[in-house]
Amino acid sequence: MRLFSVVSAIIILLLSGCADNKPLSATKNHNAKQNAEAVLDQYYEAVGKADFDSFIALFSKSAEFYGTDATEIWPYEQFAPSIKESFSTGLGWDFDLKDRRLTLSQNGDIAWFAELAHFNNTDYLLRPTGVMEIEDGAWKITQLVMGIPIPNLLYTPVLQGLQASTLGKDIEIEKINTVLDSLHKHAANADGEAYFALYSEEAIFIGTDVSERWTRAQFQAYAEPIFSQGRGWRYIPRERHVVLSPMSNMAWFDEVLDSENYGTSRGTGVLVRTREGWKISQYHLTFPIPNDLAGAMTQKIKAYEQKQK
């Protein structure tokens, strides 16, 4: 008899647990969803007005905030005072909500959401996502993640920039210098395979003659017969300046070169960061003319071009 009572009690507990977790009715589901969305609307209203008290009241004290940077993971105790200080200036966050998707758990006590909002303060799109839970009969935000959606067309350069940022500017410039130094070394050694491996597929080489604008394939067709004879060209870098793009996925440079045949020369160009490392996308070789000689030299060039016509 006692065993029957114990079994009956267990069955009642299981049934009551199932009853607690049964799906909400359509009406209750609709109301719960509306209440959850109202909290998110209050969030945007509070941050727009820099109203810290209204803002922080929407969060659970166990909440966590994730910023757009990988290092920005803050528990309630950290992000609350930080945001309070930010709002003390009176400047809030001006969002223009573009889209919202909110889903409820089966029994309606947890919700998760994904939104798309234009952040007018800095003029870019954010994708806020997060989780909400019922605490003491009210919805509270327990997790908020600020993400930046990346358009597919920008994925590759953004990825390259993220890869570069982990290494640092100085290391990237050192790698670029190694590529350019290797370029001149392989040209001097007539090593065509190693030389052209430093160019990207779409690379352009611009020579000293106005007619010399070659694709990589065209330049290779010009240079390979020379390299095959063991002949190359020797340019020794004397001075170089390298500038990285803001995302560190491109770089441009100018360098002064010394040549036995032509004396002072100048190379300028662009490199792109690829999965295989930095590649030269454009190289332009010129013979800089001293200002005192420019008039006479340009007259010679004009006379030559007129004769060619």
C-alpha atoms as a PDB file:
ATOM      1  CA  MET A   1       0.000   0.000   0.000  1.00  0.00           C
ATOM      2  CA  ARG A   2       2.836   2.347   0.895  1.00  0.00           C
ATOM      3  CA  LEU A   3       4.573   1.498  -2.400  1.00  0.00           C
ATOM      4  CA  PHE A   4       1.356   2.332  -4.285  1.00  0.00           C
ATOM      5  CA  SER A   5       1.198   5.724  -2.543  1.00  0.00           C
ATOM      6  CA  VAL A   6       4.792   6.526  -3.465  1.00  0.00           C
ATOM      7  CA  VAL A   7       4.267   5.550  -7.092  1.00  0.00           C
ATOM      8  CA  SER A   8       1.067   7.588  -7.241  1.00  0.00           C
ATOM      9  CA  ALA A   9       2.898  10.636  -5.847  1.00  0.00           C
ATOM     10  CA  ILE A  10       5.635  10.320  -8.458  1.00  0.00           C
ATOM     11  CA  ILE A  11       3.065  10.051 -11.247  1.00  0.00           C
ATOM     12  CA  ILE A  12       1.255  13.152  -9.974  1.00  0.00           C
ATOM     13  CA  LEU A  13       4.539  15.109  -9.872  1.00  0.00           C
ATOM     14  CA  LEU A  14       5.446  14.061 -13.409  1.00  0.00           C
ATOM     15  CA  LEU A  15       2.016  14.989 -14.680  1.00  0.00           C
ATOM     16  CA  SER A  16       2.131  18.352 -12.944  1.00  0.00           C
ATOM     17  CA  GLY A  17       5.567  18.978 -14.466  1.00  0.00           C
ATOM     18  CA  CYS A  18       4.225  18.157 -17.893  1.00  0.00           C
ATOM     19  CA  ALA A  19       1.322  20.478 -17.266  1.00  0.00           C
ATOM     20  CA  ASP A  20       3.749  23.307 -16.446  1.00  0.00           C
ATOM     21  CA  ASN A  21       5.610  22.726 -19.703  1.00  0.00           C
ATOM     22  CA  LYS A  22       2.591  22.322 -21.946  1.00  0.00           C
ATOM     23  CA  PRO A  23       2.458  24.658 -24.948  1.00  0.00           C
ATOM     24  CA  LEU A  24       0.774  28.002 -24.492  1.00  0.00           C
ATOM     25  CA  SER A  25      -2.583  28.638 -26.069  1.00  0.00           C
ATOM     26  CA  ALA A  26      -2.546  30.806 -29.172  1.00  0.00           C
ATOM     27  CA  THR A  27      -3.869  33.780 -27.191  1.00  0.00           C
ATOM     28  CA  LYS A  28      -1.349  33.459 -24.370  1.00  0.00           C
ATOM     29  CA  ASN A  29       1.441  32.952 -26.885  1.00  0.00           C
ATOM     30  CA  HIS A  30       0.416  36.125 -28.704  1.00  0.00           C
ATOM     31  CA  ASN A  31       0.241  38.117 -25.485  1.00  0.00           C
ATOM     32  CA  ALA A  32       3.588  36.814 -24.213  1.00  0.00           C
ATOM     33  CA  LYS A  33       5.203  37.673 -27.528  1.00  0.00           C
ATOM     34  CA  GLN A  34       3.728  41.170 -27.485  1.00  0.00           C
ATOM     35  CA  ASN A  35       5.010  41.711 -23.931  1.00  0.00           C
ATOM     36  CA  ALA A  36       8.490  40.544 -24.887  1.00  0.00           C
ATOM     37  CA  GLU A  37       8.562  42.834 -27.921  1.00  0.00           C
ATOM     38  CA  ALA A  38       7.352  45.717 -25.754  1.00  0.00           C
ATOM     39  CA  VAL A  39      10.444  45.283 -23.573  1.00  0.00           C
ATOM     40  CA  LEU A  40      12.656  45.510 -26.666  1.00  0.00           C
ATOM     41  CA  ASP A  41      10.783  48.637 -27.761  1.00  0.00           C
ATOM     42  CA  GLN A  42      11.391  50.101 -24.291  1.00  0.00           C
ATOM     43  CA  TYR A  43      15.079  49.297 -24.711  1.00  0.00           C
ATOM     44  CA  TYR A  44      15.321  51.396 -27.884  1.00  0.00           C
ATOM     45  CA  GLU A  45      13.346  54.209 -26.288  1.00  0.00           C
ATOM     46  CA  ALA A  46      15.604  54.219 -23.208  1.00  0.00           C
ATOM     47  CA  VAL A  47      18.907  54.187 -25.119  1.00  0.00           C
ATOM     48  CA  GLY A  48      17.643  56.875 -27.485  1.00  0.00           C
ATOM     49  CA  LYS A  49      16.978  59.162 -24.515  1.00  0.00           C
ATOM     50  CA  ALA A  50      20.123  58.087 -22.638  1.00  0.00           C
ATOM     51  CA  ASP A  51      17.761  57.090 -19.807  1.00  0.00           C
ATOM     52  CA  PHE A  52      19.977  54.776 -17.768  1.00  0.00           C
ATOM     53  CA  ASP A  53      17.412  53.909 -15.072  1.00  0.00           C
ATOM     54  CA  SER A  54      14.823  52.772 -17.606  1.00  0.00           C
ATOM     55  CA  PHE A  55      17.527  50.997 -19.604  1.00  0.00           C
ATOM     56  CA  ILE A  56      19.043  48.975 -16.770  1.00  0.00           C
ATOM     57  CA  ALA A  57      15.628  47.994 -15.374  1.00  0.00           C
ATOM     58  CA  LEU A  58      15.102  45.892 -18.498  1.00  0.00           C
ATOM     59  CA  PHE A  59      18.061  43.620 -17.708  1.00  0.00           C
ATOM     60  CA  SER A  60      18.418  40.673 -15.375  1.00  0.00           C
ATOM     61  CA  LYS A  61      21.214  41.074 -12.843  1.00  0.00           C
ATOM     62  CA  SER A  62      22.677  37.874 -14.304  1.00  0.00           C
ATOM     63  CA  ALA A  63      22.723  39.368 -17.813  1.00  0.00           C
ATOM     64  CA  GLU A  64      25.768  39.470 -20.065  1.00  0.00           C
ATOM     65  CA  PHE A  65      26.513  41.982 -22.810  1.00  0.00           C
ATOM     66  CA  TYR A  66      28.632  41.114 -25.881  1.00  0.00           C
ATOM     67  CA  GLY A  67      30.011  43.968 -27.976  1.00  0.00           C
ATOM     68  CA  THR A  68      31.160  43.911 -31.593  1.00  0.00           C
ATOM     69  CA  ASP A  69      34.788  43.288 -30.601  1.00  0.00           C
ATOM     70  CA  ALA A  70      35.743  39.739 -29.563  1.00  0.00           C
ATOM     71  CA  THR A  71      37.135  41.083 -26.278  1.00  0.00           C
ATOM     72  CA  GLU A  72      33.884  42.827 -25.298  1.00  0.00           C
ATOM     73  CA  ILE A  73      32.225  40.310 -22.973  1.00  0.00           C
ATOM     74  CA  TRP A  74      30.802  42.075 -19.935  1.00  0.00           C
ATOM     75  CA  PRO A  75      28.663  40.762 -17.067  1.00  0.00           C
ATOM     76  CA  TYR A  76      25.976  43.001 -15.573  1.00  0.00           C
ATOM     77  CA  GLU A  77      28.368  44.312 -12.905  1.00  0.00           C
ATOM     78  CA  GLN A  78      30.691  45.674 -15.600  1.00  0.00           C
ATOM     79  CA  PHE A  79      28.464  46.952 -18.370  1.00  0.00           C
ATOM     80  CA  ALA A  80      25.957  48.680 -16.028  1.00  0.00           C
ATOM     81  CA  PRO A  81      28.419  51.286 -14.662  1.00  0.00           C
ATOM     82  CA  SER A  82      30.063  51.667 -18.061  1.00  0.00           C
ATOM     83  CA  ILE A  83      26.771  52.514 -19.769  1.00  0.00           C
ATOM     84  CA  LYS A  84      25.723  54.744 -16.881  1.00  0.00           C
ATOM     85  CA  GLU A  85      28.881  56.783 -17.429  1.00  0.00           C
ATOM     86  CA  SER A  86      28.264  56.884 -21.185  1.00  0.00           C
ATOM     87  CA  PHE A  87      24.666  58.093 -20.768  1.00  0.00           C
ATOM     88  CA  SER A  88      25.732  60.728 -18.230  1.00  0.00           C
ATOM     89  CA  THR A  89      26.853  62.878 -21.186  1.00  0.00           C
ATOM     90  CA  GLY A  90      23.232  63.007 -22.352  1.00  0.00           C
ATOM     91  CA  LEU A  91      24.130  61.363 -25.672  1.00  0.00           C
ATOM     92  CA  GLY A  92      22.154  58.192 -26.325  1.00  0.00           C
ATOM     93  CA  TRP A  93      22.153  55.574 -29.061  1.00  0.00           C
ATOM     94  CA  ASP A  94      20.006  56.454 -32.048  1.00  0.00           C
ATOM     95  CA  PHE A  95      18.734  53.270 -33.708  1.00  0.00           C
ATOM     96  CA  ASP A  96      16.414  52.819 -36.667  1.00  0.00           C
ATOM     97  CA  LEU A  97      14.914  49.325 -36.331  1.00  0.00           C
ATOM     98  CA  LYS A  98      14.725  47.538 -39.699  1.00  0.00           C
ATOM     99  CA  ASP A  99      13.706  43.993 -38.770  1.00  0.00           C
ATOM    100  CA  ARG A 100      12.865  41.845 -35.760  1.00  0.00           C
ATOM    101  CA  ARG A 101      12.434  38.094 -35.339  1.00  0.00           C
ATOM    102  CA  LEU A 102      11.343  36.875 -31.889  1.00  0.00           C
ATOM    103  CA  THR A 103      10.682  33.260 -30.894  1.00  0.00           C
ATOM    104  CA  LEU A 104       9.140  31.908 -27.665  1.00  0.00           C
ATOM    105  CA  SER A 105       9.960  28.656 -25.924  1.00  0.00           C
ATOM    106  CA  GLN A 106       7.209  26.056 -25.762  1.00  0.00           C
ATOM    107  CA  ASN A 107       5.920  27.144 -22.357  1.00  0.00           C
ATOM    108  CA  GLY A 108       6.541  30.837 -23.031  1.00  0.00           C
ATOM    109  CA  ASP A 109       9.034  31.721 -20.296  1.00  0.00           C
ATOM    110  CA  ILE A 110      12.067  32.189 -22.560  1.00  0.00           C
ATOM    111  CA  ALA A 111      12.382  34.214 -25.748  1.00  0.00           C
ATOM    112  CA  TRP A 112      15.230  34.739 -28.183  1.00  0.00           C
ATOM    113  CA  PHE A 113      15.412  37.443 -30.798  1.00  0.00           C
ATOM    114  CA  ALA A 114      17.385  38.668 -33.784  1.00  0.00           C
ATOM    115  CA  GLU A 115      17.065  42.214 -35.112  1.00  0.00           C
ATOM    116  CA  LEU A 116      18.541  44.426 -37.787  1.00  0.00           C
ATOM    117  CA  ALA A 117      19.008  48.067 -36.836  1.00  0.00           C
ATOM    118  CA  HIS A 118      20.717  51.039 -38.418  1.00  0.00           C
ATOM    119  CA  PHE A 119      22.967  52.711 -35.863  1.00  0.00           C
ATOM    120  CA  ASN A 120      22.572  56.352 -36.822  1.00  0.00           C
ATOM    121  CA  ASN A 121      25.349  57.571 -34.505  1.00  0.00           C
ATOM    122  CA  THR A 122      27.977  55.959 -36.709  1.00  0.00           C
ATOM    123  CA  ASP A 123      25.903  55.204 -39.850  1.00  0.00           C
ATOM    124  CA  TYR A 124      26.169  51.419 -40.133  1.00  0.00           C
ATOM    125  CA  LEU A 125      23.994  48.341 -39.644  1.00  0.00           C
ATOM    126  CA  LEU A 126      24.021  46.265 -36.468  1.00  0.00           C
ATOM    127  CA  ARG A 127      22.463  42.877 -35.847  1.00  0.00           C
ATOM    128  CA  PRO A 128      21.470  42.726 -32.162  1.00  0.00           C
ATOM    129  CA  THR A 129      20.582  39.233 -30.943  1.00  0.00           C
ATOM    130  CA  GLY A 130      19.789  37.997 -27.469  1.00  0.00           C
ATOM    131  CA  VAL A 131      17.787  36.030 -24.929  1.00  0.00           C
ATOM    132  CA  MET A 132      15.003  37.087 -22.547  1.00  0.00           C
ATOM    133  CA  GLU A 133      13.510  35.268 -19.564  1.00  0.00           C
ATOM    134  CA  ILE A 134      10.526  35.771 -17.277  1.00  0.00           C
ATOM    135  CA  GLU A 135      11.685  36.951 -13.839  1.00  0.00           C
ATOM    136  CA  ASP A 136       9.074  37.747 -11.163  1.00  0.00           C
ATOM    137  CA  GLY A 137       6.400  37.902 -13.816  1.00  0.00           C
ATOM    138  CA  ALA A 138       8.233  40.314 -16.135  1.00  0.00           C
ATOM    139  CA  TRP A 139      10.465  39.879 -19.160  1.00  0.00           C
ATOM    140  CA  LYS A 140      14.160  40.615 -18.554  1.00  0.00           C
ATOM    141  CA  ILE A 141      17.004  40.648 -21.057  1.00  0.00           C
ATOM    142  CA  THR A 142      19.571  38.053 -19.963  1.00  0.00           C
ATOM    143  CA  GLN A 143      21.881  38.233 -22.966  1.00  0.00           C
ATOM    144  CA  LEU A 144      22.479  40.932 -25.571  1.00  0.00           C
ATOM    145  CA  VAL A 145      24.924  40.470 -28.449  1.00  0.00           C
ATOM    146  CA  MET A 146      25.839  43.307 -30.816  1.00  0.00           C
ATOM    147  CA  GLY A 147      26.972  41.909 -34.170  1.00  0.00           C
ATOM    148  CA  ILE A 148      27.849  43.622 -37.430  1.00  0.00           C
ATOM    149  CA  PRO A 149      26.482  41.795 -40.508  1.00  0.00           C
ATOM    150  CA  ILE A 150      29.060  41.565 -43.298  1.00  0.00           C
ATOM    151  CA  PRO A 151      27.775  41.709 -46.908  1.00  0.00           C
ATOM    152  CA  ASN A 152      28.947  38.702 -48.915  1.00  0.00           C
ATOM    153  CA  LEU A 153      30.771  40.947 -51.388  1.00  0.00           C
ATOM    154  CA  LEU A 154      32.860  42.358 -48.531  1.00  0.00           C
ATOM    155  CA  TYR A 155      33.540  39.052 -46.807  1.00  0.00           C
ATOM    156  CA  THR A 156      36.972  38.440 -48.339  1.00  0.00           C
ATOM    157  CA  PRO A 157      38.501  41.881 -47.624  1.00  0.00           C
ATOM    158  CA  VAL A 158      36.980  41.914 -44.128  1.00  0.00           C
ATOM    159  CA  LEU A 159      38.373  38.444 -43.444  1.00  0.00           C
ATOM    160  CA  GLN A 160      41.784  39.555 -44.677  1.00  0.00           C
ATOM    161  CA  GLY A 161      41.625  42.589 -42.428  1.00  0.00           C
ATOM    162  CA  LEU A 162      40.717  40.452 -39.417  1.00  0.00           C
ATOM    163  CA  GLN A 163      43.577  38.096 -40.176  1.00  0.00           C
ATOM    164  CA  ALA A 164      45.986  41.003 -40.498  1.00  0.00           C
ATOM    165  CA  SER A 165      44.843  42.690 -37.294  1.00  0.00           C
ATOM    166  CA  THR A 166      45.871  39.655 -35.249  1.00  0.00           C
ATOM    167  CA  LEU A 167      49.452  40.083 -36.391  1.00  0.00           C
ATOM    168  CA  GLY A 168      49.848  43.829 -36.129  1.00  0.00           C
ATOM    169  CA  LYS A 169      50.925  46.600 -38.489  1.00  0.00           C
ATOM    170  CA  ASP A 170      54.687  46.260 -38.023  1.00  0.00           C
ATOM    171  CA  ILE A 171      54.665  42.536 -38.788  1.00  0.00           C
ATOM    172  CA  GLU A 172      52.567  43.083 -41.917  1.00  0.00           C
ATOM    173  CA  ILE A 173      54.940  45.772 -43.207  1.00  0.00           C
ATOM    174  CA  GLU A 174      57.878  43.479 -42.496  1.00  0.00           C
ATOM    175  CA  LYS A 175      56.218  40.788 -44.620  1.00  0.00           C
ATOM    176  CA  ILE A 176      55.627  43.291 -47.427  1.00  0.00           C
ATOM    177  CA  ASN A 177      59.271  44.353 -47.341  1.00  0.00           C
ATOM    178  CA  THR A 178      60.284  40.698 -47.605  1.00  0.00           C
ATOM    179  CA  VAL A 179      58.088  40.267 -50.700  1.00  0.00           C
ATOM    180  CA  LEU A 180      59.551  43.332 -52.423  1.00  0.00           C
ATOM    181  CA  ASP A 181      63.140  42.429 -51.495  1.00  0.00           C
ATOM    182  CA  SER A 182      62.529  38.912 -52.823  1.00  0.00           C
ATOM    183  CA  LEU A 183      61.127  40.363 -56.051  1.00  0.00           C
ATOM    184  CA  HIS A 184      64.380  42.186 -56.790  1.00  0.00           C
ATOM    185  CA  LYS A 185      66.475  39.201 -55.694  1.00  0.00           C
ATOM    186  CA  HIS A 186      64.646  36.759 -58.014  1.00  0.00           C
ATOM    187  CA  ALA A 187      64.841  39.218 -60.927  1.00  0.00           C
ATOM    188  CA  ALA A 188      68.615  39.534 -60.457  1.00  0.00           C
ATOM    189  CA  ASN A 189      68.955  35.735 -60.276  1.00  0.00           C
ATOM    190  CA  ALA A 190      66.774  35.239 -63.377  1.00  0.00           C
ATOM    191  CA  ASP A 191      64.487  32.971 -61.330  1.00  0.00           C
ATOM    192  CA  GLY A 192      61.281  33.444 -63.289  1.00  0.00           C
ATOM    193  CA  GLU A 193      59.199  30.900 -61.379  1.00  0.00           C
ATOM    194  CA  ALA A 194      59.916  32.462 -57.983  1.00  0.00           C
ATOM    195  CA  TYR A 195      59.655  35.980 -59.411  1.00  0.00           C
ATOM    196  CA  PHE A 196      56.171  35.621 -60.895  1.00  0.00           C
ATOM    197  CA  ALA A 197      54.897  33.667 -57.889  1.00  0.00           C
ATOM    198  CA  LEU A 198      55.049  36.988 -56.013  1.00  0.00           C
ATOM    199  CA  TYR A 199      52.421  38.554 -58.327  1.00  0.00           C
ATOM    200  CA  SER A 200      48.673  38.114 -57.967  1.00  0.00           C
ATOM    201  CA  GLU A 201      46.747  36.558 -60.854  1.00  0.00           C
ATOM    202  CA  GLU A 202      45.311  39.918 -61.943  1.00  0.00           C
ATOM    203  CA  ALA A 203      48.596  41.803 -61.513  1.00  0.00           C
ATOM    204  CA  ILE A 204      49.694  44.611 -63.834  1.00  0.00           C
ATOM    205  CA  PHE A 205      53.306  45.583 -64.550  1.00  0.00           C
ATOM    206  CA  ILE A 206      53.915  49.075 -65.922  1.00  0.00           C
ATOM    207  CA  GLY A 207      57.349  49.538 -67.445  1.00  0.00           C
ATOM    208  CA  THR A 208      59.401  52.638 -68.210  1.00  0.00           C
ATOM    209  CA  ASP A 209      58.133  52.882 -71.808  1.00  0.00           C
ATOM    210  CA  VAL A 210      54.641  54.343 -72.191  1.00  0.00           C
ATOM    211  CA  SER A 211      53.604  51.249 -74.178  1.00  0.00           C
ATOM    212  CA  GLU A 212      54.560  48.859 -71.393  1.00  0.00           C
ATOM    213  CA  ARG A 213      51.382  48.097 -69.522  1.00  0.00           C
ATOM    214  CA  TRP A 214      51.322  44.341 -69.214  1.00  0.00           C
ATOM    215  CA  THR A 215      49.140  41.805 -67.518  1.00  0.00           C
ATOM    216  CA  ARG A 216      50.999  39.170 -65.552  1.00  0.00           C
ATOM    217  CA  ALA A 217      50.741  36.768 -68.502  1.00  0.00           C
ATOM    218  CA  GLN A 218      52.000  39.388 -70.969  1.00  0.00           C
ATOM    219  CA  PHE A 219      54.864  40.387 -68.703  1.00  0.00           C
ATOM    220  CA  GLN A 220      55.766  36.735 -68.193  1.00  0.00           C
ATOM    221  CA  ALA A 221      55.834  36.190 -71.956  1.00  0.00           C
ATOM    222  CA  TYR A 222      58.250  39.142 -72.251  1.00  0.00           C
ATOM    223  CA  ALA A 223      60.501  38.146 -69.339  1.00  0.00           C
ATOM    224  CA  GLU A 224      60.729  34.344 -69.578  1.00  0.00           C
ATOM    225  CA  PRO A 225      62.937  34.310 -72.728  1.00  0.00           C
ATOM    226  CA  ILE A 226      65.342  36.683 -70.943  1.00  0.00           C
ATOM    227  CA  PHE A 227      65.336  34.630 -67.740  1.00  0.00           C
ATOM    228  CA  SER A 228      65.821  31.398 -69.701  1.00  0.00           C
ATOM    229  CA  GLN A 229      69.197  32.750 -70.896  1.00  0.00           C
ATOM    230  CA  GLY A 230      70.275  33.307 -67.300  1.00  0.00           C
ATOM    231  CA  ARG A 231      69.909  37.049 -67.686  1.00  0.00           C
ATOM    232  CA  GLY A 232      67.935  39.164 -65.268  1.00  0.00           C
ATOM    233  CA  TRP A 233      67.844  42.756 -64.088  1.00  0.00           C
ATOM    234  CA  ARG A 234      69.342  44.070 -60.911  1.00  0.00           C
ATOM    235  CA  TYR A 235      67.698  46.853 -58.919  1.00  0.00           C
ATOM    236  CA  ILE A 236      68.907  47.439 -55.371  1.00  0.00           C
ATOM    237  CA  PRO A 237      66.430  49.165 -52.996  1.00  0.00           C
ATOM    238  CA  ARG A 238      67.873  52.300 -51.448  1.00  0.00           C
ATOM    239  CA  GLU A 239      64.765  53.666 -49.746  1.00  0.00           C
ATOM    240  CA  ARG A 240      61.196  52.442 -49.328  1.00  0.00           C
ATOM    241  CA  HIS A 241      57.896  53.645 -47.861  1.00  0.00           C
ATOM    242  CA  VAL A 242      54.953  51.292 -47.214  1.00  0.00           C
ATOM    243  CA  VAL A 243      51.423  52.315 -46.212  1.00  0.00           C
ATOM    244  CA  LEU A 244      48.740  49.858 -45.065  1.00  0.00           C
ATOM    245  CA  SER A 245      45.055  50.334 -45.838  1.00  0.00           C
ATOM    246  CA  PRO A 246      42.768  50.865 -42.801  1.00  0.00           C
ATOM    247  CA  MET A 247      41.771  47.190 -42.879  1.00  0.00           C
ATOM    248  CA  SER A 248      45.344  46.019 -43.524  1.00  0.00           C
ATOM    249  CA  ASN A 249      44.244  43.962 -46.529  1.00  0.00           C
ATOM    250  CA  MET A 250      45.962  46.236 -49.076  1.00  0.00           C
ATOM    251  CA  ALA A 251      49.180  48.233 -49.111  1.00  0.00           C
ATOM    252  CA  TRP A 252      50.851  50.726 -51.417  1.00  0.00           C
ATOM    253  CA  PHE A 253      54.514  51.593 -51.603  1.00  0.00           C
ATOM    254  CA  ASP A 254      57.153  53.678 -53.286  1.00  0.00           C
ATOM    255  CA  GLU A 255      60.842  52.847 -53.377  1.00  0.00           C
ATOM    256  CA  VAL A 256      64.034  54.365 -54.749  1.00  0.00           C
ATOM    257  CA  LEU A 257      66.239  51.849 -56.556  1.00  0.00           C
ATOM    258  CA  ASP A 258      69.832  51.809 -57.764  1.00  0.00           C
ATOM    259  CA  SER A 259      70.616  50.228 -61.124  1.00  0.00           C
ATOM    260  CA  GLU A 260      74.016  49.731 -62.770  1.00  0.00           C
ATOM    261  CA  ASN A 261      72.520  50.392 -66.197  1.00  0.00           C
ATOM    262  CA  TYR A 262      70.044  53.169 -65.426  1.00  0.00           C
ATOM    263  CA  GLY A 263      71.227  54.743 -62.166  1.00  0.00           C
ATOM    264  CA  THR A 264      68.476  56.045 -59.894  1.00  0.00           C
ATOM    265  CA  SER A 265      65.090  54.454 -60.567  1.00  0.00           C
ATOM    266  CA  ARG A 266      61.767  54.405 -58.782  1.00  0.00           C
ATOM    267  CA  GLY A 267      59.246  51.639 -58.203  1.00  0.00           C
ATOM    268  CA  THR A 268      55.705  52.212 -56.984  1.00  0.00           C
ATOM    269  CA  GLY A 269      52.804  49.836 -56.636  1.00  0.00           C
ATOM    270  CA  VAL A 270      50.102  48.020 -54.725  1.00  0.00           C
ATOM    271  CA  LEU A 271      50.003  44.739 -52.837  1.00  0.00           C
ATOM    272  CA  VAL A 272      46.960  42.705 -51.763  1.00  0.00           C
ATOM    273  CA  ARG A 273      46.756  40.302 -48.860  1.00  0.00           C
ATOM    274  CA  THR A 274      45.682  36.809 -49.970  1.00  0.00           C
ATOM    275  CA  ARG A 275      45.389  33.413 -48.319  1.00  0.00           C
ATOM    276  CA  GLU A 276      48.891  32.707 -49.601  1.00  0.00           C
ATOM    277  CA  GLY A 277      50.261  35.937 -48.156  1.00  0.00           C
ATOM    278  CA  TRP A 278      51.007  39.327 -49.687  1.00  0.00           C
ATOM    279  CA  LYS A 279      51.019  39.473 -53.496  1.00  0.00           C
ATOM    280  CA  ILE A 280      51.985  42.306 -55.818  1.00  0.00           C
ATOM    281  CA  SER A 281      48.940  43.548 -57.709  1.00  0.00           C
ATOM    282  CA  GLN A 282      50.686  46.389 -59.543  1.00  0.00           C
ATOM    283  CA  TYR A 283      54.299  47.402 -60.014  1.00  0.00           C
ATOM    284  CA  HIS A 284      55.337  50.556 -61.864  1.00  0.00           C
ATOM    285  CA  LEU A 285      58.986  51.150 -62.747  1.00  0.00           C
ATOM    286  CA  THR A 286      60.064  54.687 -63.683  1.00  0.00           C
ATOM    287  CA  PHE A 287      63.218  56.723 -64.246  1.00  0.00           C
ATOM    288  CA  PRO A 288      62.737  59.933 -62.230  1.00  0.00           C
ATOM    289  CA  ILE A 289      64.063  63.026 -63.991  1.00  0.00           C
ATOM    290  CA  PRO A 290      65.858  65.714 -61.928  1.00  0.00           C
ATOM    291  CA  ASN A 291      63.991  69.010 -62.178  1.00  0.00           C
ATOM    292  CA  ASP A 292      66.989  70.767 -63.758  1.00  0.00           C
ATOM    293  CA  LEU A 293      66.981  68.241 -66.604  1.00  0.00           C
ATOM    294  CA  ALA A 294      63.227  67.873 -66.970  1.00  0.00           C
ATOM    295  CA  GLY A 295      62.784  70.530 -69.671  1.00  0.00           C
ATOM    296  CA  ALA A 296      65.478  69.170 -71.990  1.00  0.00           C
ATOM    297  CA  MET A 297      64.466  65.553 -71.395  1.00  0.00           C
ATOM    298  CA  THR A 298      60.753  66.090 -72.028  1.00  0.00           C
ATOM    299  CA  GLN A 299      61.600  67.974 -75.229  1.00  0.00           C
ATOM    300  CA  LYS A 300      63.582  64.936 -76.381  1.00  0.00           C
ATOM    301  CA  ILE A 301      60.657  62.671 -75.559  1.00  0.00           C
ATOM    302  CA  LYS A 302      58.234  64.908 -77.443  1.00  0.00           C
ATOM    303  CA  ALA A 303      60.549  65.006 -80.472  1.00  0.00           C
ATOM    304  CA  TYR A 304      60.899  61.241 -80.370  1.00  0.00           C
ATOM    305  CA  GLU A 305      57.143  60.682 -80.164  1.00  0.00           C
ATOM    306  CA  GLN A 306      56.569  63.109 -83.043  1.00  0.00           C
ATOM    307  CA  LYS A 307      59.097  61.226 -85.140  1.00  0.00           C
ATOM    308  CA  GLN A 308      57.360  57.922 -84.360  1.00  0.00           C
ATOM    309  CA  LYS A 309      54.066  59.343 -85.591  1.00  0.00           C
END
